[in-house]
N, C-alpha and C. Protein backbone atom coordinates (compact mmCIF):
# COMPACT_ATOMS: atom_id res chain seq x y z
N MET A 1 -4.12 14.65 -23.66
CA MET A 1 -3.95 13.08 -24.63
C MET A 1 -3.90 11.95 -23.88
N SER A 2 -4.66 11.02 -24.35
CA SER A 2 -4.97 9.50 -23.74
C SER A 2 -4.62 8.58 -24.62
N THR A 3 -4.39 7.60 -24.18
CA THR A 3 -3.92 6.21 -25.13
C THR A 3 -5.57 5.21 -24.30
N THR A 4 -5.37 4.03 -25.53
CA THR A 4 -6.36 2.87 -25.00
C THR A 4 -5.27 1.77 -24.68
N ILE A 5 -5.72 1.35 -23.68
CA ILE A 5 -5.33 -0.11 -23.56
C ILE A 5 -6.29 -1.16 -23.04
N THR A 6 -6.09 -2.99 -22.97
CA THR A 6 -7.05 -3.64 -22.95
C THR A 6 -6.60 -4.28 -21.60
N VAL A 7 -7.68 -4.35 -20.98
CA VAL A 7 -7.53 -5.00 -19.72
C VAL A 7 -8.37 -6.16 -19.29
N ARG A 8 -8.23 -7.37 -19.02
CA ARG A 8 -9.19 -8.28 -18.59
C ARG A 8 -9.42 -8.16 -17.09
N ILE A 9 -10.85 -8.26 -17.09
CA ILE A 9 -11.47 -8.53 -15.57
C ILE A 9 -12.54 -9.23 -15.74
N ASP A 10 -12.70 -9.83 -14.15
CA ASP A 10 -13.54 -10.91 -13.92
C ASP A 10 -15.06 -9.89 -14.31
N PRO A 11 -15.96 -11.15 -14.84
CA PRO A 11 -17.15 -10.59 -15.16
C PRO A 11 -18.04 -10.10 -13.96
N LYS A 12 -17.67 -10.33 -13.03
CA LYS A 12 -18.65 -9.71 -11.86
C LYS A 12 -17.62 -8.41 -11.49
N THR A 13 -16.58 -8.08 -11.28
CA THR A 13 -16.11 -6.90 -11.54
C THR A 13 -16.71 -6.03 -12.45
N LYS A 14 -16.45 -6.39 -13.75
CA LYS A 14 -17.06 -5.72 -14.86
C LYS A 14 -18.71 -5.03 -14.51
N GLU A 15 -19.93 -5.92 -13.94
CA GLU A 15 -20.77 -5.79 -13.47
C GLU A 15 -21.16 -4.49 -12.61
N ARG A 16 -19.95 -4.73 -11.54
CA ARG A 16 -20.05 -4.05 -10.80
C ARG A 16 -19.70 -2.56 -10.96
N LEU A 17 -18.65 -2.52 -12.12
CA LEU A 17 -18.14 -1.21 -12.58
C LEU A 17 -19.27 -0.48 -13.54
N GLU A 18 -19.89 -1.68 -14.03
CA GLU A 18 -21.08 -0.78 -14.74
C GLU A 18 -22.36 -0.42 -13.91
N LYS A 19 -22.67 -0.99 -12.90
CA LYS A 19 -23.43 -0.11 -12.07
C LYS A 19 -23.12 1.11 -11.26
N LEU A 20 -21.91 1.26 -10.58
CA LEU A 20 -20.86 2.31 -10.32
C LEU A 20 -20.80 3.34 -11.41
N ALA A 21 -20.62 3.44 -12.78
CA ALA A 21 -20.25 4.21 -13.57
C ALA A 21 -22.06 4.65 -14.04
N LYS A 22 -22.92 3.89 -14.15
CA LYS A 22 -24.42 4.29 -14.10
C LYS A 22 -24.90 5.19 -12.97
N ALA A 23 -24.86 4.40 -11.83
CA ALA A 23 -25.25 5.11 -10.64
C ALA A 23 -24.89 6.61 -10.39
N THR A 24 -23.15 6.89 -11.05
CA THR A 24 -22.67 7.94 -10.62
C THR A 24 -22.89 8.74 -12.21
N ASP A 25 -23.14 8.40 -13.17
CA ASP A 25 -23.43 9.09 -14.45
C ASP A 25 -21.71 9.33 -15.02
N ARG A 26 -20.92 8.76 -14.68
CA ARG A 26 -19.37 8.57 -15.05
C ARG A 26 -19.38 7.26 -16.35
N SER A 27 -18.15 7.30 -16.50
CA SER A 27 -17.90 6.29 -17.58
C SER A 27 -17.14 5.41 -16.96
N MET A 28 -16.99 3.69 -17.34
CA MET A 28 -16.13 2.85 -16.73
C MET A 28 -14.64 3.40 -17.32
N SER A 29 -14.27 3.79 -18.32
CA SER A 29 -13.15 4.16 -18.47
C SER A 29 -12.53 5.09 -17.13
N TYR A 30 -13.24 6.16 -16.76
CA TYR A 30 -13.26 7.14 -16.04
C TYR A 30 -12.89 6.30 -14.86
N PHE A 31 -13.46 5.60 -14.12
CA PHE A 31 -13.32 4.85 -12.96
C PHE A 31 -11.99 4.04 -12.98
N VAL A 32 -11.75 3.18 -14.16
CA VAL A 32 -10.52 2.45 -14.26
C VAL A 32 -9.18 3.41 -14.16
N SER A 33 -9.19 4.39 -15.26
CA SER A 33 -8.18 5.18 -15.17
C SER A 33 -7.93 5.92 -13.49
N HIS A 34 -8.78 6.20 -12.74
CA HIS A 34 -8.73 6.94 -11.86
C HIS A 34 -8.21 5.82 -10.75
N ALA A 35 -8.60 4.64 -10.78
CA ALA A 35 -8.36 3.56 -10.06
C ALA A 35 -6.84 3.30 -10.44
N LEU A 36 -6.26 3.51 -11.68
CA LEU A 36 -4.85 3.04 -11.73
C LEU A 36 -3.89 3.87 -11.67
N GLU A 37 -4.69 5.28 -11.48
CA GLU A 37 -3.61 6.49 -10.84
C GLU A 37 -3.27 6.27 -9.46
N GLN A 38 -4.39 5.77 -8.70
CA GLN A 38 -4.45 5.67 -7.59
C GLN A 38 -3.44 4.92 -7.07
N ILE A 39 -3.49 3.26 -7.70
CA ILE A 39 -2.58 2.44 -7.40
C ILE A 39 -1.08 2.48 -8.00
N ILE A 40 -0.71 3.52 -8.93
CA ILE A 40 0.26 3.86 -9.56
C ILE A 40 0.85 4.54 -8.37
N ALA A 41 0.51 5.76 -8.16
CA ALA A 41 1.07 6.88 -7.04
C ALA A 41 1.34 6.05 -5.64
N GLN A 42 0.16 5.08 -5.53
CA GLN A 42 0.58 4.36 -4.19
C GLN A 42 2.16 3.41 -4.16
N GLU A 43 2.20 2.66 -5.30
CA GLU A 43 3.45 1.92 -5.17
C GLU A 43 4.59 2.58 -5.61
N GLU A 44 4.48 3.89 -6.62
CA GLU A 44 5.77 4.56 -6.46
C GLU A 44 5.85 4.81 -5.10
N TRP A 45 5.04 5.43 -4.03
CA TRP A 45 5.47 5.80 -2.96
C TRP A 45 6.20 4.95 -2.49
N GLN A 46 5.43 3.56 -2.32
CA GLN A 46 6.14 2.57 -1.21
C GLN A 46 7.27 2.11 -1.79
N ILE A 47 7.47 1.83 -3.21
CA ILE A 47 8.99 1.89 -3.47
C ILE A 47 9.94 2.83 -3.19
N GLY A 48 9.89 3.82 -3.32
CA GLY A 48 10.73 4.96 -2.92
C GLY A 48 10.58 4.84 -1.53
N GLU A 49 10.07 4.81 -0.63
CA GLU A 49 10.27 4.38 0.93
C GLU A 49 10.98 3.53 1.10
N ILE A 50 10.94 2.43 0.27
CA ILE A 50 11.62 1.05 0.58
C ILE A 50 13.19 1.60 0.28
N LYS A 51 13.32 2.08 -1.25
CA LYS A 51 14.64 2.41 -1.47
C LYS A 51 15.33 3.26 -0.17
N ARG A 52 14.42 4.55 0.09
CA ARG A 52 14.85 5.30 0.99
C ARG A 52 15.57 4.67 2.20
N ARG A 53 14.60 3.87 2.54
CA ARG A 53 14.89 3.30 4.06
C ARG A 53 16.08 2.27 3.93
N VAL A 54 16.14 1.43 2.72
CA VAL A 54 17.63 0.59 2.57
C VAL A 54 18.78 1.38 2.51
N GLU A 55 18.72 2.63 1.71
CA GLU A 55 19.79 3.56 1.98
C GLU A 55 20.33 4.10 3.39
N ILE A 56 19.30 4.35 4.45
CA ILE A 56 19.63 4.51 5.29
C ILE A 56 19.90 3.60 6.00
N ALA A 57 19.32 2.47 5.98
CA ALA A 57 19.89 1.07 6.79
C ALA A 57 21.39 0.71 6.57
N ASP A 58 21.37 0.94 5.31
CA ASP A 58 23.16 0.62 4.54
C ASP A 58 24.21 1.59 5.23
N ARG A 59 23.70 2.71 5.82
CA ARG A 59 24.55 3.73 6.24
C ARG A 59 25.38 3.26 7.44
N PRO A 60 26.76 3.26 7.49
CA PRO A 60 27.59 3.13 8.58
C PRO A 60 26.97 3.48 9.72
N GLY A 61 27.07 2.71 10.64
CA GLY A 61 26.25 3.43 12.02
C GLY A 61 24.88 3.05 12.07
N ALA A 62 24.34 2.54 11.06
CA ALA A 62 23.06 2.39 11.36
C ALA A 62 22.38 1.59 12.75
N LYS A 63 21.38 1.75 12.98
CA LYS A 63 20.94 1.28 14.18
C LYS A 63 19.85 0.41 14.30
N PHE A 64 19.82 -0.62 14.43
CA PHE A 64 18.56 -1.35 14.22
C PHE A 64 17.94 -1.99 16.08
N ILE A 65 16.46 -2.50 15.60
CA ILE A 65 16.11 -3.29 16.90
C ILE A 65 15.63 -4.65 16.14
N PRO A 66 16.12 -5.57 17.16
CA PRO A 66 16.02 -6.91 16.95
C PRO A 66 14.93 -7.42 16.73
N HIS A 67 14.51 -8.21 15.72
CA HIS A 67 13.37 -8.56 15.17
C HIS A 67 12.30 -9.55 16.25
N GLU A 68 13.10 -10.01 17.31
CA GLU A 68 12.49 -10.53 18.42
C GLU A 68 11.90 -9.66 19.44
N ASP A 69 12.81 -8.56 19.84
CA ASP A 69 11.77 -7.17 20.37
C ASP A 69 10.55 -6.57 19.46
N ILE A 70 11.01 -6.61 18.33
CA ILE A 70 9.43 -6.11 17.69
C ILE A 70 8.43 -6.91 17.32
N GLU A 71 8.68 -8.61 17.45
CA GLU A 71 7.49 -9.17 17.34
C GLU A 71 6.98 -9.61 18.85
N ALA A 72 7.84 -9.50 20.21
CA ALA A 72 6.98 -9.51 21.68
C ALA A 72 6.45 -8.49 21.52
N TRP A 73 6.73 -6.79 21.36
CA TRP A 73 5.95 -6.01 21.25
C TRP A 73 4.50 -6.21 20.30
N LEU A 74 4.54 -6.44 19.47
CA LEU A 74 3.65 -6.27 18.40
C LEU A 74 2.46 -7.70 19.11
N LYS A 75 3.12 -8.80 19.53
CA LYS A 75 2.33 -9.77 20.57
C LYS A 75 1.63 -9.53 21.71
N SER A 76 1.95 -8.26 22.26
CA SER A 76 1.35 -7.74 23.43
C SER A 76 0.22 -6.52 23.08
N TRP A 77 0.24 -6.32 22.05
CA TRP A 77 -1.00 -5.28 21.57
C TRP A 77 -2.29 -5.88 22.00
N GLY A 78 -3.01 -4.93 22.62
CA GLY A 78 -4.27 -5.38 23.17
C GLY A 78 -4.35 -6.36 23.98
N SER A 79 -3.22 -6.58 24.87
CA SER A 79 -3.22 -7.38 26.13
C SER A 79 -3.16 -6.54 27.16
N LYS A 80 -3.15 -6.94 28.45
CA LYS A 80 -3.43 -6.32 29.66
C LYS A 80 -1.90 -5.64 29.66
N LYS A 81 -0.58 -6.53 29.20
CA LYS A 81 0.62 -6.59 29.62
C LYS A 81 1.13 -5.93 28.21
N GLU A 82 0.33 -4.80 27.66
CA GLU A 82 0.83 -4.47 26.18
C GLU A 82 2.37 -3.63 26.90
N ARG A 83 3.32 -4.16 26.10
CA ARG A 83 4.38 -3.25 25.90
C ARG A 83 4.92 -2.35 25.44
N LYS A 84 5.78 -1.57 25.82
CA LYS A 84 6.10 -0.17 25.44
C LYS A 84 6.82 -0.21 23.75
N PRO A 85 7.08 0.19 23.08
CA PRO A 85 7.79 0.14 21.78
C PRO A 85 9.04 0.07 22.06
N PRO A 86 9.92 -0.97 21.79
CA PRO A 86 11.10 -1.24 21.89
C PRO A 86 12.25 0.15 21.14
N LYS A 87 13.30 0.09 21.48
CA LYS A 87 14.03 1.41 20.76
C LYS A 87 15.36 0.85 20.30
N CYS A 88 16.16 1.33 19.64
CA CYS A 88 17.03 0.85 18.80
C CYS A 88 18.44 0.88 19.98
N GLU A 89 19.12 -0.23 19.62
CA GLU A 89 20.33 -0.40 20.42
C GLU A 89 21.36 0.37 20.20
């Protein structure tokens, strides 16, 4: 069973969606529904991981890597002096 919702989209996006639907012999509803399912799954996963990591970080004795160490490591990426990943203190 399915239900109907109304979504406002940019005219150019609608045109692209129409072309895609026609080229694949699928409905525009199929693509919109499929895209929403993927986005919702991704967002649910991301929110779940954030909550899980916050719980871990809130535990007594949690260890962290200082922001400055991460920043220096990231800035070194792709350089001749690329650093090794920092470790928790």
